[in-house]
Amino acid sequence: MKAFLAAVAAMVVITVAAPYALGQLGFSAADAGTGASVRLD
């Protein structure tokens, strides 16, 4: 039971922290989906 609760807590922390961490690293889904190299077929 302790392992399950630790896993759930880790998932919550990762889910909340991921957008902030990726934003600090300069990764953005909006940037990846726009630009001259994006094909719109």
Protein backbone atom coordinates (compact mmCIF):
# COMPACT_ATOMS: atom_id res chain seq x y z
CA MET A 1 0.00 0.00 0.00
CA LYS A 2 2.88 2.36 0.76
CA ALA A 3 4.36 1.78 -2.69
CA PHE A 4 1.01 2.55 -4.33
CA LEU A 5 0.60 5.79 -2.41
CA ALA A 6 4.18 6.79 -3.21
CA ALA A 7 3.56 6.13 -6.90
CA VAL A 8 0.35 8.19 -6.87
CA ALA A 9 2.11 11.04 -5.07
CA ALA A 10 4.97 10.91 -7.61
CA MET A 11 2.51 11.04 -10.51
CA VAL A 12 0.75 14.06 -9.02
CA VAL A 13 4.05 15.90 -8.47
CA ILE A 14 5.25 15.13 -12.01
CA THR A 15 1.91 16.14 -13.54
CA VAL A 16 1.90 19.48 -11.74
CA ALA A 17 5.60 20.26 -12.21
CA ALA A 18 6.01 19.17 -15.84
CA PRO A 19 4.47 22.23 -17.55
CA TYR A 20 6.60 24.60 -15.48
CA ALA A 21 9.80 22.62 -16.01
CA LEU A 22 9.24 22.26 -19.75
CA GLY A 23 8.43 25.95 -20.01
CA GLN A 24 11.72 26.83 -18.33
CA LEU A 25 13.57 24.59 -20.78
CA GLY A 26 11.99 26.37 -23.74
CA PHE A 27 9.81 23.49 -24.92
CA SER A 28 6.36 24.43 -26.08
CA ALA A 29 3.83 22.39 -28.01
CA ALA A 30 2.63 25.60 -29.64
CA ASP A 31 6.15 26.31 -30.91
CA ALA A 32 6.55 22.74 -32.17
CA GLY A 33 3.26 22.94 -34.09
CA THR A 34 3.88 26.23 -35.84
CA GLY A 35 6.56 27.63 -38.08
CA ALA A 36 7.94 27.33 -41.59
CA SER A 37 8.90 23.66 -41.25
CA VAL A 38 5.40 22.45 -40.32
CA ARG A 39 3.55 20.61 -43.06
CA LEU A 40 -0.22 21.02 -43.23
CA ASP A 41 -1.33 18.23 -45.54
